[in-house]
């Protein structure tokens, strides 16, 4: 919704568009979360840290950290596949694209001023491009495999399309 809110402001959208966007994005992302977590426990794919520690380097740690506590080398305690970030961003991108256009270009200012990581604005050529970057960001952190991210975006996109196919009036 944060990306959608930025677009609503940029477009000087009316209340009807705002309600429509929040309903569509909310439903798509909620359905994506349910499908993603269901799938995680169907496929039960281990995290990169488990695999790497078991077969390659027992001391390897991912790059994820908690900015509130300073704890480093974190990995989520639930299965990896599909990526939640990827699935929900794919669903959100599909819903937003259906409303504002699939080639809507924007600069994301959600993280402007953040100090725990690079908070510089990022420019994207589409919501889908933004979703792909969000999904990929989990791979270099070491908490997801590539397939987790790619298939998460695919699953989320399909869910977003189902939401778009509803009889909206």
N, C-alpha and C. Protein backbone atom coordinates (compact mmCIF):
# COMPACT_ATOMS: atom_id res chain seq x y z
N UNK A 1 0.82 -1.19 0.00
CA UNK A 1 0.00 0.00 0.00
C UNK A 1 0.87 1.26 0.00
N UNK A 2 2.09 1.17 0.51
CA UNK A 2 2.95 2.36 0.56
C UNK A 2 3.27 2.86 -0.84
N UNK A 3 3.52 1.94 -1.77
CA UNK A 3 3.79 2.33 -3.16
C UNK A 3 2.52 2.92 -3.75
N UNK A 4 1.40 2.26 -3.54
CA UNK A 4 0.12 2.76 -4.04
C UNK A 4 -0.20 4.14 -3.51
N UNK A 5 0.09 4.38 -2.24
CA UNK A 5 -0.16 5.70 -1.66
C UNK A 5 0.69 6.77 -2.33
N UNK A 6 1.92 6.42 -2.67
CA UNK A 6 2.76 7.38 -3.39
C UNK A 6 2.16 7.71 -4.75
N UNK A 7 1.65 6.70 -5.44
CA UNK A 7 1.05 6.91 -6.76
C UNK A 7 -0.23 7.73 -6.64
N UNK A 8 -1.05 7.42 -5.65
CA UNK A 8 -2.28 8.21 -5.44
C UNK A 8 -1.95 9.69 -5.29
N UNK A 9 -0.91 9.98 -4.53
CA UNK A 9 -0.51 11.37 -4.33
C UNK A 9 0.03 11.98 -5.61
N UNK A 10 0.89 11.24 -6.32
CA UNK A 10 1.45 11.74 -7.58
C UNK A 10 0.36 12.04 -8.60
N UNK A 11 -0.66 11.21 -8.63
CA UNK A 11 -1.73 11.34 -9.61
C UNK A 11 -2.86 12.25 -9.12
N UNK A 12 -2.74 12.74 -7.88
CA UNK A 12 -3.80 13.55 -7.29
C UNK A 12 -5.15 12.83 -7.42
N UNK A 13 -5.14 11.55 -7.06
CA UNK A 13 -6.30 10.68 -7.24
C UNK A 13 -7.44 11.04 -6.31
N UNK A 14 -8.64 10.68 -6.74
CA UNK A 14 -9.81 10.94 -5.92
C UNK A 14 -10.05 9.79 -4.93
N UNK A 15 -11.04 9.96 -4.09
CA UNK A 15 -11.34 8.96 -3.06
C UNK A 15 -11.74 7.62 -3.67
N UNK A 16 -12.50 7.64 -4.75
CA UNK A 16 -12.92 6.39 -5.39
C UNK A 16 -11.72 5.57 -5.86
N UNK A 17 -10.74 6.22 -6.47
CA UNK A 17 -9.54 5.53 -6.93
C UNK A 17 -8.74 5.01 -5.74
N UNK A 18 -8.68 5.80 -4.68
CA UNK A 18 -7.95 5.38 -3.49
C UNK A 18 -8.59 4.15 -2.87
N UNK A 19 -9.91 4.14 -2.75
CA UNK A 19 -10.61 2.99 -2.19
C UNK A 19 -10.42 1.75 -3.07
N UNK A 20 -10.54 1.94 -4.37
CA UNK A 20 -10.36 0.85 -5.33
C UNK A 20 -8.96 0.27 -5.22
N UNK A 21 -7.96 1.14 -5.18
CA UNK A 21 -6.57 0.68 -5.09
C UNK A 21 -6.34 -0.09 -3.78
N UNK A 22 -6.80 0.47 -2.68
CA UNK A 22 -6.57 -0.21 -1.39
C UNK A 22 -7.31 -1.54 -1.31
N UNK A 23 -8.51 -1.60 -1.86
CA UNK A 23 -9.25 -2.88 -1.85
C UNK A 23 -8.53 -3.92 -2.69
N UNK A 24 -8.14 -3.54 -3.90
CA UNK A 24 -7.49 -4.50 -4.81
C UNK A 24 -6.13 -4.94 -4.27
N UNK A 25 -5.31 -3.99 -3.88
CA UNK A 25 -3.97 -4.33 -3.38
C UNK A 25 -4.09 -5.12 -2.08
N UNK A 26 -4.98 -4.69 -1.20
CA UNK A 26 -5.17 -5.40 0.07
C UNK A 26 -5.58 -6.85 -0.13
N UNK A 27 -6.54 -7.08 -1.02
CA UNK A 27 -6.99 -8.44 -1.28
C UNK A 27 -5.89 -9.27 -1.94
N UNK A 28 -5.21 -8.68 -2.91
CA UNK A 28 -4.15 -9.42 -3.61
C UNK A 28 -3.02 -9.80 -2.66
N UNK A 29 -2.58 -8.87 -1.84
CA UNK A 29 -1.47 -9.14 -0.94
C UNK A 29 -1.89 -10.12 0.17
N UNK A 30 -3.11 -9.98 0.67
CA UNK A 30 -3.58 -10.91 1.71
C UNK A 30 -3.69 -12.33 1.15
N UNK A 31 -4.27 -12.46 -0.04
CA UNK A 31 -4.37 -13.78 -0.66
C UNK A 31 -2.98 -14.34 -0.96
N UNK A 32 -2.07 -13.47 -1.37
CA UNK A 32 -0.69 -13.91 -1.65
C UNK A 32 -0.03 -14.44 -0.38
N UNK A 33 -0.25 -13.76 0.73
CA UNK A 33 0.35 -14.21 2.00
C UNK A 33 -0.16 -15.60 2.38
N UNK A 34 -1.46 -15.81 2.23
CA UNK A 34 -2.05 -17.12 2.57
C UNK A 34 -1.48 -18.20 1.66
N UNK A 35 -1.47 -17.94 0.36
CA UNK A 35 -0.95 -18.94 -0.59
C UNK A 35 0.52 -19.21 -0.37
N UNK A 36 1.27 -18.18 -0.07
CA UNK A 36 2.71 -18.32 0.15
C UNK A 36 2.99 -19.19 1.37
N UNK A 37 2.35 -18.85 2.49
CA UNK A 37 2.65 -19.62 3.72
C UNK A 37 2.11 -21.04 3.63
N UNK A 38 1.01 -21.24 2.93
CA UNK A 38 0.54 -22.60 2.69
C UNK A 38 1.60 -23.37 1.91
N UNK A 39 2.09 -22.75 0.84
CA UNK A 39 3.10 -23.41 -0.02
C UNK A 39 4.40 -23.69 0.73
N UNK A 40 4.80 -22.79 1.60
CA UNK A 40 6.04 -22.99 2.35
C UNK A 40 6.01 -24.34 3.09
N UNK A 41 4.85 -24.66 3.66
CA UNK A 41 4.77 -25.89 4.44
C UNK A 41 4.37 -27.11 3.61
N UNK A 42 3.96 -26.90 2.37
CA UNK A 42 3.77 -28.02 1.45
C UNK A 42 5.12 -28.47 0.92
N UNK A 43 5.94 -27.50 0.46
CA UNK A 43 7.23 -27.82 -0.16
C UNK A 43 8.35 -27.95 0.86
N UNK A 44 8.28 -27.22 1.95
CA UNK A 44 9.23 -27.31 3.07
C UNK A 44 10.70 -27.25 2.61
N UNK A 45 11.04 -26.26 1.79
CA UNK A 45 12.40 -26.10 1.28
C UNK A 45 13.26 -25.39 2.34
N UNK A 46 14.42 -25.98 2.60
CA UNK A 46 15.30 -25.40 3.60
C UNK A 46 15.88 -24.06 3.14
N UNK A 47 16.31 -23.27 4.10
CA UNK A 47 16.93 -21.98 3.83
C UNK A 47 18.37 -22.18 3.38
N UNK A 48 18.93 -21.19 2.65
CA UNK A 48 20.32 -21.29 2.23
C UNK A 48 21.28 -21.56 3.39
N UNK A 49 21.05 -20.92 4.53
CA UNK A 49 21.97 -21.11 5.66
C UNK A 49 22.03 -22.58 6.08
N UNK A 50 20.90 -23.24 6.15
CA UNK A 50 20.89 -24.65 6.53
C UNK A 50 21.69 -25.49 5.55
N UNK A 51 21.46 -25.24 4.27
CA UNK A 51 22.16 -25.99 3.22
C UNK A 51 23.66 -25.72 3.27
N UNK A 52 24.02 -24.45 3.31
CA UNK A 52 25.44 -24.07 3.30
C UNK A 52 26.15 -24.58 4.56
N UNK A 53 25.52 -24.42 5.72
CA UNK A 53 26.14 -24.89 6.97
C UNK A 53 26.33 -26.41 6.98
N UNK A 54 25.40 -27.13 6.39
CA UNK A 54 25.46 -28.59 6.39
C UNK A 54 26.47 -29.13 5.38
N UNK A 55 26.59 -28.49 4.20
CA UNK A 55 27.37 -29.08 3.12
C UNK A 55 28.61 -28.30 2.68
N UNK A 56 28.69 -27.02 3.03
CA UNK A 56 29.79 -26.21 2.50
C UNK A 56 30.64 -25.58 3.59
N UNK A 57 30.03 -24.77 4.44
CA UNK A 57 30.77 -24.04 5.46
C UNK A 57 29.92 -23.95 6.73
N UNK A 58 30.29 -24.67 7.77
CA UNK A 58 29.48 -24.70 8.99
C UNK A 58 29.42 -23.35 9.72
N UNK A 59 30.28 -22.41 9.35
CA UNK A 59 30.30 -21.12 10.04
C UNK A 59 29.66 -19.98 9.23
N UNK A 60 29.13 -20.28 8.03
CA UNK A 60 28.56 -19.23 7.18
C UNK A 60 27.28 -18.66 7.79
N UNK A 61 27.13 -17.35 7.69
CA UNK A 61 25.92 -16.67 8.18
C UNK A 61 25.37 -15.77 7.08
N UNK A 62 24.05 -15.64 7.00
CA UNK A 62 23.46 -14.72 6.02
C UNK A 62 23.72 -13.26 6.39
N UNK A 63 23.42 -12.37 5.47
CA UNK A 63 23.66 -10.93 5.67
C UNK A 63 22.48 -10.20 6.29
N UNK A 64 21.44 -10.90 6.67
CA UNK A 64 20.27 -10.28 7.26
C UNK A 64 20.55 -9.92 8.72
N UNK A 65 20.12 -8.73 9.11
CA UNK A 65 20.28 -8.32 10.50
C UNK A 65 19.04 -7.59 10.98
N UNK A 66 18.89 -7.50 12.28
CA UNK A 66 17.77 -6.80 12.89
C UNK A 66 18.25 -5.40 13.27
N UNK A 67 17.77 -4.34 12.60
CA UNK A 67 18.25 -2.99 12.90
C UNK A 67 17.85 -2.50 14.29
N UNK A 68 16.85 -3.12 14.88
CA UNK A 68 16.42 -2.70 16.22
C UNK A 68 17.31 -3.26 17.31
N UNK A 69 17.76 -4.51 17.13
CA UNK A 69 18.57 -5.15 18.17
C UNK A 69 20.05 -5.19 17.81
N UNK A 70 20.36 -5.02 16.52
CA UNK A 70 21.74 -5.13 16.07
C UNK A 70 22.18 -6.56 15.83
N UNK A 71 21.30 -7.52 16.05
CA UNK A 71 21.64 -8.93 15.84
C UNK A 71 21.93 -9.18 14.37
N UNK A 72 23.01 -9.87 14.08
CA UNK A 72 23.43 -10.13 12.70
C UNK A 72 23.36 -11.62 12.37
N UNK A 73 23.41 -11.93 11.08
CA UNK A 73 23.43 -13.31 10.63
C UNK A 73 22.13 -14.04 10.82
N UNK A 74 21.02 -13.33 10.70
CA UNK A 74 19.71 -13.93 10.93
C UNK A 74 19.21 -14.69 9.71
N UNK A 75 18.41 -15.68 9.95
CA UNK A 75 17.68 -16.36 8.90
C UNK A 75 16.29 -16.66 9.45
N UNK A 76 15.24 -16.45 8.64
CA UNK A 76 13.89 -16.73 9.14
C UNK A 76 13.73 -18.19 9.58
N UNK A 77 12.83 -18.41 10.51
CA UNK A 77 12.67 -19.73 11.11
C UNK A 77 11.65 -20.61 10.39
N UNK A 78 11.18 -20.19 9.25
CA UNK A 78 10.19 -20.96 8.49
C UNK A 78 10.77 -21.28 7.12
N UNK A 79 10.16 -22.23 6.39
CA UNK A 79 10.71 -22.66 5.09
C UNK A 79 10.87 -21.51 4.09
N UNK A 80 11.77 -21.73 3.13
CA UNK A 80 12.16 -20.67 2.20
C UNK A 80 11.22 -20.49 1.00
N UNK A 81 10.66 -21.57 0.49
CA UNK A 81 9.97 -21.54 -0.80
C UNK A 81 8.47 -21.53 -0.64
N UNK A 82 7.83 -20.57 -1.31
CA UNK A 82 8.34 -19.42 -2.06
C UNK A 82 8.62 -18.25 -1.13
N UNK A 83 9.32 -17.27 -1.63
CA UNK A 83 9.63 -16.07 -0.85
C UNK A 83 8.36 -15.26 -0.61
N UNK A 84 8.14 -14.90 0.65
CA UNK A 84 7.00 -14.05 0.99
C UNK A 84 7.12 -12.67 0.37
N UNK A 85 8.32 -12.07 0.44
CA UNK A 85 8.53 -10.76 -0.18
C UNK A 85 8.17 -10.82 -1.67
N UNK A 86 8.64 -11.86 -2.34
CA UNK A 86 8.42 -11.99 -3.78
C UNK A 86 6.94 -12.21 -4.09
N UNK A 87 6.30 -13.09 -3.35
CA UNK A 87 4.91 -13.41 -3.63
C UNK A 87 4.01 -12.19 -3.42
N UNK A 88 4.20 -11.51 -2.31
CA UNK A 88 3.34 -10.36 -2.03
C UNK A 88 3.65 -9.18 -2.96
N UNK A 89 4.92 -8.99 -3.33
CA UNK A 89 5.22 -7.89 -4.24
C UNK A 89 4.71 -8.19 -5.64
N UNK A 90 4.74 -9.44 -6.07
CA UNK A 90 4.17 -9.80 -7.37
C UNK A 90 2.67 -9.53 -7.41
N UNK A 91 1.98 -9.89 -6.34
CA UNK A 91 0.53 -9.65 -6.26
C UNK A 91 0.23 -8.16 -6.25
N UNK A 92 0.97 -7.41 -5.44
CA UNK A 92 0.76 -5.97 -5.38
C UNK A 92 1.05 -5.29 -6.70
N UNK A 93 2.12 -5.72 -7.37
CA UNK A 93 2.49 -5.12 -8.65
C UNK A 93 1.40 -5.37 -9.69
N UNK A 94 0.84 -6.56 -9.70
CA UNK A 94 -0.22 -6.87 -10.66
C UNK A 94 -1.46 -6.02 -10.39
N UNK A 95 -1.84 -5.89 -9.13
CA UNK A 95 -3.02 -5.07 -8.79
C UNK A 95 -2.78 -3.60 -9.14
N UNK A 96 -1.62 -3.08 -8.78
CA UNK A 96 -1.31 -1.68 -9.09
C UNK A 96 -1.23 -1.45 -10.59
N UNK A 97 -0.62 -2.38 -11.32
CA UNK A 97 -0.51 -2.24 -12.76
C UNK A 97 -1.87 -2.18 -13.44
N UNK A 98 -2.81 -2.95 -12.94
CA UNK A 98 -4.15 -2.96 -13.54
C UNK A 98 -4.86 -1.62 -13.35
N UNK A 99 -4.49 -0.89 -12.33
CA UNK A 99 -5.14 0.39 -12.04
C UNK A 99 -4.41 1.56 -12.70
N UNK A 100 -3.10 1.59 -12.56
CA UNK A 100 -2.33 2.76 -13.01
C UNK A 100 -1.54 2.52 -14.30
N UNK A 101 -1.56 1.31 -14.80
CA UNK A 101 -0.86 1.00 -16.04
C UNK A 101 0.35 0.12 -15.78
N UNK A 102 0.55 -0.84 -16.66
CA UNK A 102 1.63 -1.80 -16.47
C UNK A 102 3.01 -1.23 -16.79
N UNK A 103 3.05 -0.06 -17.40
CA UNK A 103 4.33 0.59 -17.69
C UNK A 103 4.47 1.88 -16.89
N UNK A 104 3.80 1.93 -15.73
CA UNK A 104 3.85 3.12 -14.88
C UNK A 104 5.25 3.23 -14.27
N UNK A 105 5.93 4.30 -14.56
CA UNK A 105 7.27 4.54 -14.04
C UNK A 105 7.18 5.44 -12.81
N UNK A 106 7.95 5.12 -11.79
CA UNK A 106 7.93 5.96 -10.60
C UNK A 106 9.23 5.84 -9.82
N UNK A 107 9.44 6.82 -8.97
CA UNK A 107 10.56 6.80 -8.05
C UNK A 107 9.99 6.49 -6.67
N UNK A 108 10.46 5.41 -6.09
CA UNK A 108 10.01 4.97 -4.77
C UNK A 108 10.76 5.74 -3.69
N UNK A 109 10.00 6.46 -2.88
CA UNK A 109 10.58 7.22 -1.78
C UNK A 109 10.25 6.63 -0.41
N UNK A 110 9.79 5.37 -0.37
CA UNK A 110 9.38 4.73 0.89
C UNK A 110 10.49 4.73 1.94
N UNK A 111 11.74 4.60 1.50
CA UNK A 111 12.83 4.45 2.45
C UNK A 111 13.67 5.72 2.59
N UNK A 112 13.17 6.81 2.06
CA UNK A 112 13.88 8.07 2.14
C UNK A 112 14.13 8.44 3.60
N UNK A 113 15.38 8.71 3.92
CA UNK A 113 15.75 9.10 5.27
C UNK A 113 16.04 7.96 6.22
N UNK A 114 15.89 6.71 5.78
CA UNK A 114 16.20 5.57 6.65
C UNK A 114 17.71 5.54 6.88
N UNK A 115 18.13 5.22 8.04
CA UNK A 115 19.56 5.20 8.36
C UNK A 115 20.13 3.81 8.58
N UNK A 116 19.25 2.80 8.79
CA UNK A 116 19.77 1.45 9.05
C UNK A 116 20.19 0.75 7.76
N UNK A 117 19.87 1.33 6.61
CA UNK A 117 20.32 0.83 5.31
C UNK A 117 20.27 1.99 4.33
N UNK A 118 20.74 1.75 3.12
CA UNK A 118 20.74 2.80 2.10
C UNK A 118 19.30 3.17 1.77
N UNK A 119 18.90 4.35 2.15
CA UNK A 119 17.52 4.77 1.97
C UNK A 119 17.30 5.69 0.78
N UNK A 120 18.20 5.68 -0.18
CA UNK A 120 18.07 6.56 -1.34
C UNK A 120 16.86 6.16 -2.19
N UNK A 121 16.17 7.13 -2.76
CA UNK A 121 15.05 6.81 -3.65
C UNK A 121 15.52 5.95 -4.83
N UNK A 122 14.63 5.07 -5.30
CA UNK A 122 14.92 4.17 -6.41
C UNK A 122 13.87 4.39 -7.49
N UNK A 123 14.31 4.44 -8.74
CA UNK A 123 13.41 4.65 -9.86
C UNK A 123 13.21 3.35 -10.61
N UNK A 124 11.96 3.08 -10.96
CA UNK A 124 11.58 1.85 -11.65
C UNK A 124 10.71 2.17 -12.85
N UNK A 125 10.82 1.35 -13.88
CA UNK A 125 10.02 1.53 -15.09
C UNK A 125 8.64 0.92 -14.99
N UNK A 126 8.39 0.11 -13.97
CA UNK A 126 7.08 -0.52 -13.81
C UNK A 126 6.97 -1.10 -12.40
N UNK A 127 5.75 -1.42 -12.02
CA UNK A 127 5.53 -2.06 -10.72
C UNK A 127 6.16 -3.46 -10.73
N UNK A 128 6.10 -4.14 -11.88
CA UNK A 128 6.69 -5.47 -11.99
C UNK A 128 8.20 -5.41 -11.79
N UNK A 129 8.85 -4.40 -12.37
CA UNK A 129 10.30 -4.24 -12.18
C UNK A 129 10.62 -4.04 -10.70
N UNK A 130 9.78 -3.28 -10.02
CA UNK A 130 9.96 -3.06 -8.59
C UNK A 130 9.80 -4.38 -7.82
N UNK A 131 8.79 -5.17 -8.21
CA UNK A 131 8.56 -6.45 -7.55
C UNK A 131 9.74 -7.39 -7.75
N UNK A 132 10.29 -7.40 -8.96
CA UNK A 132 11.44 -8.26 -9.22
C UNK A 132 12.65 -7.86 -8.38
N UNK A 133 12.90 -6.57 -8.24
CA UNK A 133 14.03 -6.15 -7.42
C UNK A 133 13.80 -6.50 -5.95
N UNK A 134 12.58 -6.29 -5.49
CA UNK A 134 12.25 -6.65 -4.12
C UNK A 134 12.49 -8.14 -3.88
N UNK A 135 12.05 -8.95 -4.83
CA UNK A 135 12.22 -10.40 -4.72
C UNK A 135 13.70 -10.77 -4.73
N UNK A 136 14.45 -10.22 -5.66
CA UNK A 136 15.87 -10.55 -5.79
C UNK A 136 16.66 -10.11 -4.56
N UNK A 137 16.24 -9.05 -3.89
CA UNK A 137 17.00 -8.52 -2.75
C UNK A 137 17.21 -9.56 -1.66
N UNK A 138 16.38 -10.54 -1.59
CA UNK A 138 16.47 -11.57 -0.55
C UNK A 138 17.57 -12.60 -0.85
N UNK A 139 17.96 -12.70 -2.14
CA UNK A 139 18.98 -13.68 -2.52
C UNK A 139 20.36 -13.26 -2.04
N UNK A 140 20.85 -12.03 -2.33
CA UNK A 140 22.17 -11.63 -1.81
C UNK A 140 22.22 -11.55 -0.28
N UNK A 141 21.06 -11.37 0.35
CA UNK A 141 21.04 -11.40 1.82
C UNK A 141 21.35 -12.80 2.34
N UNK A 142 21.12 -13.79 1.50
CA UNK A 142 21.40 -15.16 1.89
C UNK A 142 20.25 -15.86 2.58
N UNK A 143 19.03 -15.32 2.45
CA UNK A 143 17.88 -15.96 3.10
C UNK A 143 16.96 -16.67 2.11
N UNK A 144 17.25 -16.52 0.80
CA UNK A 144 16.46 -17.20 -0.22
C UNK A 144 17.34 -17.68 -1.35
N UNK A 145 16.89 -18.75 -1.98
CA UNK A 145 17.47 -19.21 -3.23
C UNK A 145 16.77 -18.45 -4.36
N UNK A 146 17.39 -18.43 -5.53
CA UNK A 146 16.82 -17.75 -6.70
C UNK A 146 15.42 -18.27 -7.00
N UNK A 147 15.23 -19.59 -6.94
CA UNK A 147 13.92 -20.16 -7.28
C UNK A 147 12.83 -19.64 -6.32
N UNK A 148 13.17 -19.40 -5.07
CA UNK A 148 12.20 -18.89 -4.10
C UNK A 148 11.65 -17.55 -4.57
N UNK A 149 12.55 -16.71 -5.06
CA UNK A 149 12.18 -15.36 -5.49
C UNK A 149 11.44 -15.38 -6.83
N UNK A 150 11.98 -16.11 -7.79
CA UNK A 150 11.35 -16.14 -9.11
C UNK A 150 9.94 -16.74 -9.05
N UNK A 151 9.81 -17.85 -8.37
CA UNK A 151 8.50 -18.49 -8.29
C UNK A 151 7.54 -17.72 -7.39
N UNK A 152 8.08 -17.02 -6.41
CA UNK A 152 7.24 -16.17 -5.57
C UNK A 152 6.59 -15.06 -6.39
N UNK A 153 7.38 -14.38 -7.23
CA UNK A 153 6.81 -13.32 -8.09
C UNK A 153 5.76 -13.92 -9.02
N UNK A 154 6.06 -15.09 -9.58
CA UNK A 154 5.11 -15.75 -10.49
C UNK A 154 3.81 -16.08 -9.77
N UNK A 155 3.89 -16.66 -8.60
CA UNK A 155 2.70 -17.00 -7.81
C UNK A 155 1.92 -15.74 -7.47
N UNK A 156 2.60 -14.72 -7.00
CA UNK A 156 1.93 -13.47 -6.64
C UNK A 156 1.25 -12.82 -7.83
N UNK A 157 1.91 -12.85 -8.98
CA UNK A 157 1.32 -12.27 -10.19
C UNK A 157 0.03 -12.99 -10.56
N UNK A 158 0.05 -14.32 -10.48
CA UNK A 158 -1.16 -15.10 -10.80
C UNK A 158 -2.29 -14.77 -9.82
N UNK A 159 -1.94 -14.62 -8.56
CA UNK A 159 -2.96 -14.28 -7.56
C UNK A 159 -3.52 -12.88 -7.85
N UNK A 160 -2.63 -11.93 -8.15
CA UNK A 160 -3.08 -10.58 -8.50
C UNK A 160 -4.01 -10.58 -9.70
N UNK A 161 -3.73 -11.42 -10.68
CA UNK A 161 -4.60 -11.51 -11.86
C UNK A 161 -5.98 -12.04 -11.50
N UNK A 162 -6.03 -12.99 -10.58
CA UNK A 162 -7.34 -13.50 -10.14
C UNK A 162 -8.13 -12.41 -9.43
N UNK A 163 -7.46 -11.62 -8.62
CA UNK A 163 -8.14 -10.49 -7.97
C UNK A 163 -8.63 -9.50 -9.02
N UNK A 164 -7.80 -9.22 -10.03
CA UNK A 164 -8.20 -8.29 -11.10
C UNK A 164 -9.42 -8.79 -11.88
N UNK A 165 -9.57 -10.11 -11.97
CA UNK A 165 -10.67 -10.70 -12.74
C UNK A 165 -12.02 -10.65 -11.98
N UNK A 166 -11.98 -10.25 -10.74
CA UNK A 166 -13.22 -10.16 -9.98
C UNK A 166 -14.12 -9.08 -10.60
N UNK A 167 -15.42 -9.16 -10.40
CA UNK A 167 -16.33 -8.18 -11.03
C UNK A 167 -16.32 -6.84 -10.28
N UNK A 168 -15.26 -6.08 -10.44
CA UNK A 168 -15.13 -4.79 -9.78
C UNK A 168 -16.08 -3.78 -10.42
N UNK A 169 -16.75 -3.00 -9.60
CA UNK A 169 -17.67 -1.95 -10.13
C UNK A 169 -17.48 -0.69 -9.34
